[in-house]
PDB file of all heavy atoms in Angstrom:
ATOM      1  N   LEU A   1     192.509   9.972  61.048  1.00  0.00           N
ATOM      2  CA  LEU A   1     193.029   9.261  62.181  1.00  0.00           C
ATOM      3  C   LEU A   1     193.362   7.879  61.664  1.00  0.00           C
ATOM      4  O   LEU A   1     192.638   7.195  60.936  1.00  0.00           O
ATOM      5  CB  LEU A   1     191.959   9.006  63.290  1.00  0.00           C
ATOM      6  CG  LEU A   1     191.283  10.269  63.870  1.00  0.00           C
ATOM      7  CD1 LEU A   1     190.199   9.997  64.815  1.00  0.00           C
ATOM      8  CD2 LEU A   1     192.412  11.228  64.601  1.00  0.00           C
ATOM      9  N   ARG A   2     194.502   7.348  62.166  1.00  0.00           N
ATOM     10  CA  ARG A   2     194.881   5.931  61.991  1.00  0.00           C
ATOM     11  C   ARG A   2     194.516   5.145  63.198  1.00  0.00           C
ATOM     12  O   ARG A   2     195.016   5.500  64.384  1.00  0.00           O
ATOM     13  CB  ARG A   2     196.287   5.665  61.660  1.00  0.00           C
ATOM     14  CG  ARG A   2     196.733   4.210  61.326  1.00  0.00           C
ATOM     15  CD  ARG A   2     198.156   4.116  60.940  1.00  0.00           C
ATOM     16  NE  ARG A   2     199.048   4.308  61.961  1.00  0.00           N
ATOM     17  CZ  ARG A   2     200.182   3.722  62.153  1.00  0.00           C
ATOM     18  NH1 ARG A   2     200.687   2.883  61.088  1.00  0.00           N
ATOM     19  NH2 ARG A   2     200.948   3.943  63.189  1.00  0.00           N
ATOM     20  N   VAL A   3     193.602   4.274  63.043  1.00  0.00           N
ATOM     21  CA  VAL A   3     192.910   3.771  64.302  1.00  0.00           C
ATOM     22  C   VAL A   3     193.513   2.324  64.472  1.00  0.00           C
ATOM     23  O   VAL A   3     193.390   1.413  63.768  1.00  0.00           O
ATOM     24  CB  VAL A   3     191.407   3.540  64.035  1.00  0.00           C
ATOM     25  CG1 VAL A   3     190.715   2.946  65.166  1.00  0.00           C
ATOM     26  CG2 VAL A   3     190.796   4.924  63.782  1.00  0.00           C
ATOM     27  N   ILE A   4     194.182   2.125  65.703  1.00  0.00           N
ATOM     28  CA  ILE A   4     194.582   0.824  66.167  1.00  0.00           C
ATOM     29  C   ILE A   4     193.259   0.119  66.732  1.00  0.00           C
ATOM     30  O   ILE A   4     192.820   0.454  67.772  1.00  0.00           O
ATOM     31  CB  ILE A   4     195.531   1.028  67.279  1.00  0.00           C
ATOM     32  CG1 ILE A   4     196.664   2.035  66.923  1.00  0.00           C
ATOM     33  CG2 ILE A   4     196.203  -0.295  67.716  1.00  0.00           C
ATOM     34  CD1 ILE A   4     197.563   1.612  65.629  1.00  0.00           C
ATOM     35  N   GLY A   5     192.818  -0.787  65.912  1.00  0.00           N
ATOM     36  CA  GLY A   5     191.474  -1.261  66.035  1.00  0.00           C
ATOM     37  C   GLY A   5     191.083  -2.025  67.294  1.00  0.00           C
ATOM     38  O   GLY A   5     191.925  -2.564  68.098  1.00  0.00           O
ATOM     39  N   HIS A   6     189.826  -2.278  67.468  1.00  0.00           N
ATOM     40  CA  HIS A   6     189.248  -2.977  68.515  1.00  0.00           C
ATOM     41  C   HIS A   6     188.159  -3.911  67.849  1.00  0.00           C
ATOM     42  O   HIS A   6     187.353  -3.396  67.298  1.00  0.00           O
ATOM     43  CB  HIS A   6     188.519  -1.969  69.535  1.00  0.00           C
ATOM     44  CG  HIS A   6     188.244  -2.688  70.773  1.00  0.00           C
ATOM     45  ND1 HIS A   6     187.626  -1.820  71.815  1.00  0.00           N
ATOM     46  CD2 HIS A   6     188.207  -3.905  71.327  1.00  0.00           C
ATOM     47  CE1 HIS A   6     187.526  -2.525  72.949  1.00  0.00           C
ATOM     48  NE2 HIS A   6     187.760  -3.833  72.541  1.00  0.00           N
ATOM     49  N   ARG A   7     188.483  -5.199  67.968  1.00  0.00           N
ATOM     50  CA  ARG A   7     187.583  -6.183  67.299  1.00  0.00           C
ATOM     51  C   ARG A   7     185.987  -5.913  67.588  1.00  0.00           C
ATOM     52  O   ARG A   7     185.659  -5.693  68.698  1.00  0.00           O
ATOM     53  CB  ARG A   7     188.050  -7.622  67.556  1.00  0.00           C
ATOM     54  CG  ARG A   7     187.814  -8.190  68.881  1.00  0.00           C
ATOM     55  CD  ARG A   7     187.984  -9.637  69.072  1.00  0.00           C
ATOM     56  NE  ARG A   7     188.097 -10.179  70.424  1.00  0.00           N
ATOM     57  CZ  ARG A   7     187.218 -10.404  71.185  1.00  0.00           C
ATOM     58  NH1 ARG A   7     186.026 -10.114  70.913  1.00  0.00           N
ATOM     59  NH2 ARG A   7     187.519 -10.938  72.394  1.00  0.00           N
ATOM     60  N   ASP A   8     185.306  -6.140  66.499  1.00  0.00           N
ATOM     61  CA  ASP A   8     183.860  -6.082  66.718  1.00  0.00           C
ATOM     62  C   ASP A   8     183.332  -4.864  67.298  1.00  0.00           C
ATOM     63  O   ASP A   8     182.330  -4.937  68.127  1.00  0.00           O
ATOM     64  CB  ASP A   8     183.308  -7.318  67.474  1.00  0.00           C
ATOM     65  CG  ASP A   8     183.865  -8.650  66.908  1.00  0.00           C
ATOM     66  OD1 ASP A   8     183.879  -8.835  65.608  1.00  0.00           O
ATOM     67  OD2 ASP A   8     184.111  -9.540  67.675  1.00  0.00           O
ATOM     68  N   ALA A   9     183.931  -3.679  66.965  1.00  0.00           N
ATOM     69  CA  ALA A   9     183.545  -2.410  67.478  1.00  0.00           C
ATOM     70  C   ALA A   9     183.014  -1.492  66.483  1.00  0.00           C
ATOM     71  O   ALA A   9     182.853  -0.212  66.848  1.00  0.00           O
ATOM     72  CB  ALA A   9     184.575  -1.784  68.371  1.00  0.00           C
ATOM     73  N   GLY A  10     182.766  -1.973  65.265  1.00  0.00           N
ATOM     74  CA  GLY A  10     182.164  -1.030  64.332  1.00  0.00           C
ATOM     75  C   GLY A  10     183.123  -0.003  63.617  1.00  0.00           C
ATOM     76  O   GLY A  10     182.622   0.917  62.914  1.00  0.00           O
ATOM     77  N   GLU A  11     184.479  -0.106  63.853  1.00  0.00           N
ATOM     78  CA  GLU A  11     185.458   0.910  63.284  1.00  0.00           C
ATOM     79  C   GLU A  11     185.486   0.839  61.725  1.00  0.00           C
ATOM     80  O   GLU A  11     185.458   1.874  61.054  1.00  0.00           O
ATOM     81  CB  GLU A  11     186.750   0.761  64.019  1.00  0.00           C
ATOM     82  CG  GLU A  11     186.628   1.112  65.402  1.00  0.00           C
ATOM     83  CD  GLU A  11     187.839   0.524  66.153  1.00  0.00           C
ATOM     84  OE1 GLU A  11     188.438  -0.491  65.891  1.00  0.00           O
ATOM     85  OE2 GLU A  11     188.319   1.251  67.160  1.00  0.00           O
ATOM     86  N   ILE A  12     185.435  -0.366  61.110  1.00  0.00           N
ATOM     87  CA  ILE A  12     185.429  -0.462  59.687  1.00  0.00           C
ATOM     88  C   ILE A  12     184.173   0.187  59.097  1.00  0.00           C
ATOM     89  O   ILE A  12     184.252   0.960  58.180  1.00  0.00           O
ATOM     90  CB  ILE A  12     185.596  -1.863  59.297  1.00  0.00           C
ATOM     91  CG1 ILE A  12     186.977  -2.468  59.681  1.00  0.00           C
ATOM     92  CG2 ILE A  12     185.346  -2.089  57.766  1.00  0.00           C
ATOM     93  CD1 ILE A  12     188.140  -1.945  58.837  1.00  0.00           C
ATOM     94  N   GLU A  13     183.082  -0.106  59.766  1.00  0.00           N
ATOM     95  CA  GLU A  13     181.805   0.376  59.293  1.00  0.00           C
ATOM     96  C   GLU A  13     181.767   1.946  59.368  1.00  0.00           C
ATOM     97  O   GLU A  13     181.228   2.638  58.502  1.00  0.00           O
ATOM     98  CB  GLU A  13     180.649  -0.286  59.994  1.00  0.00           C
ATOM     99  CG  GLU A  13     180.440  -1.774  59.790  1.00  0.00           C
ATOM    100  CD  GLU A  13     181.418  -2.761  60.407  1.00  0.00           C
ATOM    101  OE1 GLU A  13     182.235  -2.177  61.388  1.00  0.00           O
ATOM    102  OE2 GLU A  13     181.469  -3.827  60.178  1.00  0.00           O
ATOM    103  N   LEU A  14     182.155   2.489  60.630  1.00  0.00           N
ATOM    104  CA  LEU A  14     182.319   3.847  60.767  1.00  0.00           C
ATOM    105  C   LEU A  14     183.158   4.546  59.690  1.00  0.00           C
ATOM    106  O   LEU A  14     182.798   5.512  59.097  1.00  0.00           O
ATOM    107  CB  LEU A  14     182.802   4.242  62.151  1.00  0.00           C
ATOM    108  CG  LEU A  14     182.939   5.772  62.453  1.00  0.00           C
ATOM    109  CD1 LEU A  14     181.476   6.398  62.291  1.00  0.00           C
ATOM    110  CD2 LEU A  14     183.315   5.918  63.870  1.00  0.00           C
ATOM    111  N   ARG A  15     184.332   3.945  59.355  1.00  0.00           N
ATOM    112  CA  ARG A  15     185.143   4.476  58.366  1.00  0.00           C
ATOM    113  C   ARG A  15     184.479   4.655  57.115  1.00  0.00           C
ATOM    114  O   ARG A  15     184.453   5.622  56.309  1.00  0.00           O
ATOM    115  CB  ARG A  15     186.277   3.416  58.165  1.00  0.00           C
ATOM    116  CG  ARG A  15     187.269   3.832  57.020  1.00  0.00           C
ATOM    117  CD  ARG A  15     188.187   2.585  56.631  1.00  0.00           C
ATOM    118  NE  ARG A  15     187.373   1.619  56.059  1.00  0.00           N
ATOM    119  CZ  ARG A  15     187.854   0.309  55.683  1.00  0.00           C
ATOM    120  NH1 ARG A  15     189.048   0.088  55.924  1.00  0.00           N
ATOM    121  NH2 ARG A  15     187.032  -0.538  55.107  1.00  0.00           N
ATOM    122  N   ASP A  16     183.740   3.487  56.638  1.00  0.00           N
ATOM    123  CA  ASP A  16     183.039   3.499  55.356  1.00  0.00           C
ATOM    124  C   ASP A  16     181.935   4.499  55.341  1.00  0.00           C
ATOM    125  O   ASP A  16     181.721   5.156  54.324  1.00  0.00           O
ATOM    126  CB  ASP A  16     182.548   2.097  55.036  1.00  0.00           C
ATOM    127  CG  ASP A  16     183.703   1.103  54.925  1.00  0.00           C
ATOM    128  OD1 ASP A  16     184.828   1.456  54.793  1.00  0.00           O
ATOM    129  OD2 ASP A  16     183.410  -0.121  54.888  1.00  0.00           O
ATOM    130  N   LEU A  17     181.169   4.720  56.426  1.00  0.00           N
ATOM    131  CA  LEU A  17     180.057   5.606  56.381  1.00  0.00           C
ATOM    132  C   LEU A  17     180.626   7.073  56.333  1.00  0.00           C
ATOM    133  O   LEU A  17     179.983   7.881  55.610  1.00  0.00           O
ATOM    134  CB  LEU A  17     179.307   5.394  57.780  1.00  0.00           C
ATOM    135  CG  LEU A  17     178.365   4.299  57.786  1.00  0.00           C
ATOM    136  CD1 LEU A  17     177.861   3.973  59.289  1.00  0.00           C
ATOM    137  CD2 LEU A  17     177.156   4.492  56.922  1.00  0.00           C
ATOM    138  N   ILE A  18     181.741   7.289  57.010  1.00  0.00           N
ATOM    139  CA  ILE A  18     182.378   8.680  56.813  1.00  0.00           C
ATOM    140  C   ILE A  18     182.871   8.888  55.504  1.00  0.00           C
ATOM    141  O   ILE A  18     182.620   9.997  54.801  1.00  0.00           O
ATOM    142  CB  ILE A  18     183.474   8.838  57.874  1.00  0.00           C
ATOM    143  CG1 ILE A  18     182.893   8.777  59.228  1.00  0.00           C
ATOM    144  CG2 ILE A  18     184.243  10.052  57.492  1.00  0.00           C
ATOM    145  CD1 ILE A  18     183.901   8.850  60.379  1.00  0.00           C
ATOM    146  N   GLU A  19     183.438   7.856  54.862  1.00  0.00           N
ATOM    147  CA  GLU A  19     183.889   8.002  53.508  1.00  0.00           C
ATOM    148  C   GLU A  19     182.834   8.194  52.508  1.00  0.00           C
ATOM    149  O   GLU A  19     183.034   8.962  51.543  1.00  0.00           O
ATOM    150  CB  GLU A  19     184.811   6.814  53.145  1.00  0.00           C
ATOM    151  CG  GLU A  19     185.714   6.995  51.984  1.00  0.00           C
ATOM    152  CD  GLU A  19     186.747   8.092  52.128  1.00  0.00           C
ATOM    153  OE1 GLU A  19     187.189   8.175  53.261  1.00  0.00           O
ATOM    154  OE2 GLU A  19     187.116   8.648  51.180  1.00  0.00           O
ATOM    155  N   ARG A  20     181.640   7.667  52.692  1.00  0.00           N
ATOM    156  CA  ARG A  20     180.511   7.863  51.799  1.00  0.00           C
ATOM    157  C   ARG A  20     179.795   9.144  52.154  1.00  0.00           C
ATOM    158  O   ARG A  20     178.780   9.494  51.599  1.00  0.00           O
ATOM    159  CB  ARG A  20     179.523   6.617  52.026  1.00  0.00           C
ATOM    160  CG  ARG A  20     180.036   5.388  51.438  1.00  0.00           C
ATOM    161  CD  ARG A  20     178.973   4.379  51.228  1.00  0.00           C
ATOM    162  NE  ARG A  20     178.161   4.047  52.334  1.00  0.00           N
ATOM    163  CZ  ARG A  20     178.402   3.012  53.116  1.00  0.00           C
ATOM    164  NH1 ARG A  20     179.502   2.178  52.947  1.00  0.00           N
ATOM    165  NH2 ARG A  20     177.619   2.720  54.198  1.00  0.00           N
ATOM    166  N   ARG A  21     180.301   9.872  53.167  1.00  0.00           N
ATOM    167  CA  ARG A  21     179.594  11.137  53.640  1.00  0.00           C
ATOM    168  C   ARG A  21     178.315  10.949  54.187  1.00  0.00           C
ATOM    169  O   ARG A  21     177.475  11.950  54.162  1.00  0.00           O
ATOM    170  CB  ARG A  21     179.752  12.189  52.552  1.00  0.00           C
ATOM    171  CG  ARG A  21     181.113  12.334  51.992  1.00  0.00           C
ATOM    172  CD  ARG A  21     181.268  13.467  50.902  1.00  0.00           C
ATOM    173  NE  ARG A  21     181.167  14.773  51.508  1.00  0.00           N
ATOM    174  CZ  ARG A  21     181.498  15.844  50.876  1.00  0.00           C
ATOM    175  NH1 ARG A  21     181.935  15.890  49.588  1.00  0.00           N
ATOM    176  NH2 ARG A  21     181.416  17.050  51.439  1.00  0.00           N
ATOM    177  N   SER A  22     177.935   9.776  54.740  1.00  0.00           N
ATOM    178  CA  SER A  22     176.697   9.625  55.480  1.00  0.00           C
ATOM    179  C   SER A  22     176.828  10.062  56.943  1.00  0.00           C
ATOM    180  O   SER A  22     175.860  10.303  57.533  1.00  0.00           O
ATOM    181  CB  SER A  22     176.417   8.091  55.444  1.00  0.00           C
ATOM    182  OG  SER A  22     176.182   7.601  54.104  1.00  0.00           O
ATOM    183  N   PHE A  23     178.112  10.014  57.427  1.00  0.00           N
ATOM    184  CA  PHE A  23     178.416  10.621  58.682  1.00  0.00           C
ATOM    185  C   PHE A  23     179.388  11.611  58.567  1.00  0.00           C
ATOM    186  O   PHE A  23     180.296  11.658  57.738  1.00  0.00           O
ATOM    187  CB  PHE A  23     178.937   9.443  59.656  1.00  0.00           C
ATOM    188  CG  PHE A  23     177.970   8.618  60.316  1.00  0.00           C
ATOM    189  CD1 PHE A  23     176.751   8.304  59.773  1.00  0.00           C
ATOM    190  CD2 PHE A  23     178.265   8.108  61.554  1.00  0.00           C
ATOM    191  CE1 PHE A  23     175.815   7.491  60.414  1.00  0.00           C
ATOM    192  CE2 PHE A  23     177.406   7.296  62.259  1.00  0.00           C
ATOM    193  CZ  PHE A  23     176.177   7.037  61.719  1.00  0.00           C
ATOM    194  N   VAL A  24     179.301  12.608  59.459  1.00  0.00           N
ATOM    195  CA  VAL A  24     180.452  13.680  59.581  1.00  0.00           C
ATOM    196  C   VAL A  24     181.493  13.125  60.541  1.00  0.00           C
ATOM    197  O   VAL A  24     181.151  12.632  61.626  1.00  0.00           O
ATOM    198  CB  VAL A  24     179.871  15.069  60.102  1.00  0.00           C
ATOM    199  CG1 VAL A  24     180.993  15.964  60.459  1.00  0.00           C
ATOM    200  CG2 VAL A  24     178.898  15.738  59.182  1.00  0.00           C
ATOM    201  N   GLY A  25     182.747  13.089  60.057  1.00  0.00           N
ATOM    202  CA  GLY A  25     183.808  12.667  61.015  1.00  0.00           C
ATOM    203  C   GLY A  25     185.108  12.760  60.299  1.00  0.00           C
ATOM    204  O   GLY A  25     185.199  13.032  59.071  1.00  0.00           O
ATOM    205  N   PRO A  26     186.284  12.480  60.963  1.00  0.00           N
ATOM    206  CA  PRO A  26     187.571  12.489  60.352  1.00  0.00           C
ATOM    207  C   PRO A  26     187.624  11.225  59.492  1.00  0.00           C
ATOM    208  O   PRO A  26     187.044  10.089  59.717  1.00  0.00           O
ATOM    209  CB  PRO A  26     188.448  12.442  61.531  1.00  0.00           C
ATOM    210  CG  PRO A  26     187.661  11.628  62.669  1.00  0.00           C
ATOM    211  CD  PRO A  26     186.235  12.143  62.468  1.00  0.00           C
ATOM    212  N   ARG A  27     188.452  11.267  58.435  1.00  0.00           N
ATOM    213  CA  ARG A  27     188.781  10.138  57.678  1.00  0.00           C
ATOM    214  C   ARG A  27     189.583   9.011  58.600  1.00  0.00           C
ATOM    215  O   ARG A  27     190.358   9.475  59.410  1.00  0.00           O
ATOM    216  CB  ARG A  27     189.608  10.510  56.464  1.00  0.00           C
ATOM    217  CG  ARG A  27     189.050  11.506  55.579  1.00  0.00           C
ATOM    218  CD  ARG A  27     189.930  11.825  54.387  1.00  0.00           C
ATOM    219  NE  ARG A  27     189.570  12.975  53.716  1.00  0.00           N
ATOM    220  CZ  ARG A  27     188.640  13.061  52.717  1.00  0.00           C
ATOM    221  NH1 ARG A  27     188.031  11.807  52.288  1.00  0.00           N
ATOM    222  NH2 ARG A  27     188.219  14.169  52.114  1.00  0.00           N
ATOM    223  N   LEU A  28     189.187   7.708  58.342  1.00  0.00           N
ATOM    224  CA  LEU A  28     189.789   6.732  59.180  1.00  0.00           C
ATOM    225  C   LEU A  28     190.543   5.771  58.425  1.00  0.00           C
ATOM    226  O   LEU A  28     190.091   5.379  57.367  1.00  0.00           O
ATOM    227  CB  LEU A  28     188.608   6.053  60.116  1.00  0.00           C
ATOM    228  CG  LEU A  28     187.743   6.883  60.884  1.00  0.00           C
ATOM    229  CD1 LEU A  28     186.638   6.063  61.608  1.00  0.00           C
ATOM    230  CD2 LEU A  28     188.459   7.777  62.049  1.00  0.00           C
ATOM    231  N   LYS A  29     191.653   5.378  58.876  1.00  0.00           N
ATOM    232  CA  LYS A  29     192.447   4.249  58.411  1.00  0.00           C
ATOM    233  C   LYS A  29     192.503   3.249  59.635  1.00  0.00           C
ATOM    234  O   LYS A  29     192.975   3.553  60.616  1.00  0.00           O
ATOM    235  CB  LYS A  29     193.807   4.665  57.997  1.00  0.00           C
ATOM    236  CG  LYS A  29     193.906   5.392  56.729  1.00  0.00           C
ATOM    237  CD  LYS A  29     193.365   4.779  55.493  1.00  0.00           C
ATOM    238  CE  LYS A  29     193.525   5.572  54.262  1.00  0.00           C
ATOM    239  NZ  LYS A  29     193.040   4.699  53.145  1.00  0.00           N
ATOM    240  N   VAL A  30     191.974   2.030  59.343  1.00  0.00           N
ATOM    241  CA  VAL A  30     191.630   1.144  60.517  1.00  0.00           C
ATOM    242  C   VAL A  30     192.449  -0.183  60.318  1.00  0.00           C
ATOM    243  O   VAL A  30     192.486  -0.769  59.291  1.00  0.00           O
ATOM    244  CB  VAL A  30     190.116   0.743  60.522  1.00  0.00           C
ATOM    245  CG1 VAL A  30     189.847  -0.065  61.655  1.00  0.00           C
ATOM    246  CG2 VAL A  30     189.441   2.179  60.605  1.00  0.00           C
ATOM    247  N   ALA A  31     192.963  -0.661  61.494  1.00  0.00           N
ATOM    248  CA  ALA A  31     193.457  -2.088  61.656  1.00  0.00           C
ATOM    249  C   ALA A  31     192.307  -2.654  62.463  1.00  0.00           C
ATOM    250  O   ALA A  31     192.030  -2.310  63.582  1.00  0.00           O
ATOM    251  CB  ALA A  31     194.814  -2.183  62.361  1.00  0.00           C
ATOM    252  N   PRO A  32     191.681  -3.763  61.887  1.00  0.00           N
ATOM    253  CA  PRO A  32     190.444  -4.302  62.531  1.00  0.00           C
ATOM    254  C   PRO A  32     190.691  -4.890  63.962  1.00  0.00           C
ATOM    255  O   PRO A  32     189.854  -4.956  64.902  1.00  0.00           O
ATOM    256  CB  PRO A  32     190.066  -5.459  61.660  1.00  0.00           C
ATOM    257  CG  PRO A  32     190.557  -5.078  60.326  1.00  0.00           C
ATOM    258  CD  PRO A  32     191.815  -4.446  60.623  1.00  0.00           C
ATOM    259  N   TRP A  33     191.998  -5.281  64.174  1.00  0.00           N
ATOM    260  CA  TRP A  33     192.390  -5.772  65.595  1.00  0.00           C
ATOM    261  C   TRP A  33     193.950  -5.944  65.466  1.00  0.00           C
ATOM    262  O   TRP A  33     194.580  -5.866  64.368  1.00  0.00           O
ATOM    263  CB  TRP A  33     191.774  -7.218  65.876  1.00  0.00           C
ATOM    264  CG  TRP A  33     191.811  -7.645  67.192  1.00  0.00           C
ATOM    265  CD1 TRP A  33     191.802  -8.971  67.496  1.00  0.00           C
ATOM    266  CD2 TRP A  33     191.651  -6.951  68.431  1.00  0.00           C
ATOM    267  NE1 TRP A  33     191.772  -9.040  68.935  1.00  0.00           N
ATOM    268  CE2 TRP A  33     191.711  -7.826  69.485  1.00  0.00           C
ATOM    269  CE3 TRP A  33     191.562  -5.606  68.782  1.00  0.00           C
ATOM    270  CZ2 TRP A  33     191.560  -7.402  70.881  1.00  0.00           C
ATOM    271  CZ3 TRP A  33     191.410  -5.219  70.021  1.00  0.00           C
ATOM    272  CH2 TRP A  33     191.406  -6.200  71.047  1.00  0.00           C
ATOM    273  N   TRP A  34     194.556  -6.179  66.640  1.00  0.00           N
ATOM    274  CA  TRP A  34     195.958  -6.289  66.510  1.00  0.00           C
ATOM    275  C   TRP A  34     196.284  -7.855  66.456  1.00  0.00           C
ATOM    276  O   TRP A  34     195.434  -8.687  66.487  1.00  0.00           O
ATOM    277  CB  TRP A  34     196.706  -5.827  67.842  1.00  0.00           C
ATOM    278  CG  TRP A  34     196.009  -6.285  69.149  1.00  0.00           C
ATOM    279  CD1 TRP A  34     195.735  -7.610  69.558  1.00  0.00           C
ATOM    280  CD2 TRP A  34     195.547  -5.451  70.254  1.00  0.00           C
ATOM    281  NE1 TRP A  34     195.185  -7.617  70.770  1.00  0.00           N
ATOM    282  CE2 TRP A  34     195.014  -6.409  71.145  1.00  0.00           C
ATOM    283  CE3 TRP A  34     195.575  -4.126  70.488  1.00  0.00           C
ATOM    284  CZ2 TRP A  34     194.511  -5.942  72.410  1.00  0.00           C
ATOM    285  CZ3 TRP A  34     195.045  -3.686  71.618  1.00  0.00           C
ATOM    286  CH2 TRP A  34     194.486  -4.555  72.651  1.00  0.00           C
ATOM    287  N   ILE A  35     197.499  -8.217  66.186  1.00  0.00           N
ATOM    288  CA  ILE A  35     197.929  -9.583  66.244  1.00  0.00           C
ATOM    289  C   ILE A  35     198.925  -9.857  67.388  1.00  0.00           C
ATOM    290  O   ILE A  35     199.998  -9.124  67.467  1.00  0.00           O
ATOM    291  CB  ILE A  35     198.702  -9.896  64.860  1.00  0.00           C
ATOM    292  CG1 ILE A  35     197.682  -9.752  63.718  1.00  0.00           C
ATOM    293  CG2 ILE A  35     199.283 -11.371  64.976  1.00  0.00           C
ATOM    294  CD1 ILE A  35     198.182 -10.202  62.254  1.00  0.00           C
ATOM    295  N   SER A  36     198.579 -10.611  68.315  1.00  0.00           N
ATOM    296  CA  SER A  36     199.326 -10.797  69.504  1.00  0.00           C
ATOM    297  C   SER A  36     199.559 -12.367  69.780  1.00  0.00           C
ATOM    298  O   SER A  36     198.709 -13.138  69.538  1.00  0.00           O
ATOM    299  CB  SER A  36     198.522 -10.212  70.638  1.00  0.00           C
ATOM    300  OG  SER A  36     199.222 -10.482  71.970  1.00  0.00           O
ATOM    301  N   MET A  37     200.794 -12.614  70.311  1.00  0.00           N
ATOM    302  CA  MET A  37     200.913 -13.954  70.703  1.00  0.00           C
ATOM    303  C   MET A  37     200.275 -14.318  71.962  1.00  0.00           C
ATOM    304  O   MET A  37     199.894 -13.376  72.815  1.00  0.00           O
ATOM    305  CB  MET A  37     202.466 -14.256  70.925  1.00  0.00           C
ATOM    306  CG  MET A  37     203.098 -13.571  72.030  1.00  0.00           C
ATOM    307  SD  MET A  37     204.869 -13.883  72.090  1.00  0.00           S
ATOM    308  CE  MET A  37     205.238 -13.488  73.819  1.00  0.00           C
ATOM    309  N   THR A  38     200.101 -15.540  72.314  1.00  0.00           N
ATOM    310  CA  THR A  38     199.657 -15.945  73.601  1.00  0.00           C
ATOM    311  C   THR A  38     200.574 -15.548  74.618  1.00  0.00           C
ATOM    312  O   THR A  38     201.719 -15.702  74.611  1.00  0.00           O
ATOM    313  CB  THR A  38     199.399 -17.518  73.742  1.00  0.00           C
ATOM    314  OG1 THR A  38     198.534 -17.860  72.624  1.00  0.00           O
ATOM    315  CG2 THR A  38     198.941 -17.923  75.013  1.00  0.00           C
ATOM    316  N   GLY A  39     200.032 -14.854  75.739  1.00  0.00           N
ATOM    317  CA  GLY A  39     200.912 -14.274  76.826  1.00  0.00           C
ATOM    318  C   GLY A  39     201.613 -12.988  76.308  1.00  0.00           C
ATOM    319  O   GLY A  39     202.445 -12.494  77.141  1.00  0.00           O
ATOM    320  N   GLY A  40     201.368 -12.400  75.197  1.00  0.00           N
ATOM    321  CA  GLY A  40     201.842 -11.287  74.740  1.00  0.00           C
ATOM    322  C   GLY A  40     201.111  -9.938  75.237  1.00  0.00           C
ATOM    323  O   GLY A  40     200.066 -10.025  75.912  1.00  0.00           O
ATOM    324  N   HIS A  41     201.548  -8.943  74.715  1.00  0.00           N
ATOM    325  CA  HIS A  41     200.968  -7.487  75.147  1.00  0.00           C
ATOM    326  C   HIS A  41     199.507  -7.481  74.931  1.00  0.00           C
ATOM    327  O   HIS A  41     198.702  -7.107  75.767  1.00  0.00           O
ATOM    328  CB  HIS A  41     201.716  -6.430  74.503  1.00  0.00           C
ATOM    329  CG  HIS A  41     201.222  -5.101  74.780  1.00  0.00           C
ATOM    330  ND1 HIS A  41     201.057  -4.613  76.149  1.00  0.00           N
ATOM    331  CD2 HIS A  41     200.681  -4.089  74.019  1.00  0.00           C
ATOM    332  CE1 HIS A  41     200.667  -3.488  76.181  1.00  0.00           C
ATOM    333  NE2 HIS A  41     200.412  -2.950  74.843  1.00  0.00           N
ATOM    334  N   GLY A  42     199.156  -7.822  73.689  1.00  0.00           N
ATOM    335  CA  GLY A  42     197.590  -7.837  73.367  1.00  0.00           C
ATOM    336  C   GLY A  42     196.763  -8.799  74.326  1.00  0.00           C
ATOM    337  O   GLY A  42     195.658  -8.546  74.675  1.00  0.00           O
ATOM    338  N   ASP A  43     197.277 -10.032  74.447  1.00  0.00           N
ATOM    339  CA  ASP A  43     196.697 -10.986  75.250  1.00  0.00           C
ATOM    340  C   ASP A  43     196.450 -10.582  76.753  1.00  0.00           C
ATOM    341  O   ASP A  43     195.502 -10.716  77.336  1.00  0.00           O
ATOM    342  CB  ASP A  43     197.374 -12.279  75.256  1.00  0.00           C
ATOM    343  CG  ASP A  43     196.776 -13.475  75.834  1.00  0.00           C
ATOM    344  OD1 ASP A  43     195.519 -13.430  76.072  1.00  0.00           O
ATOM    345  OD2 ASP A  43     197.317 -14.600  76.164  1.00  0.00           O
TER     346      ASP A  43
END
């Protein structure tokens, strides 16, 4: 899964745990958060 990230939600850590095979799960590619302008879609 390519994960459009959510800040401070543990997605990077989950990616690494799965990659180390400490957790069962799909491989993850993660953006830690989006980049949005003030008044833009993310805001």
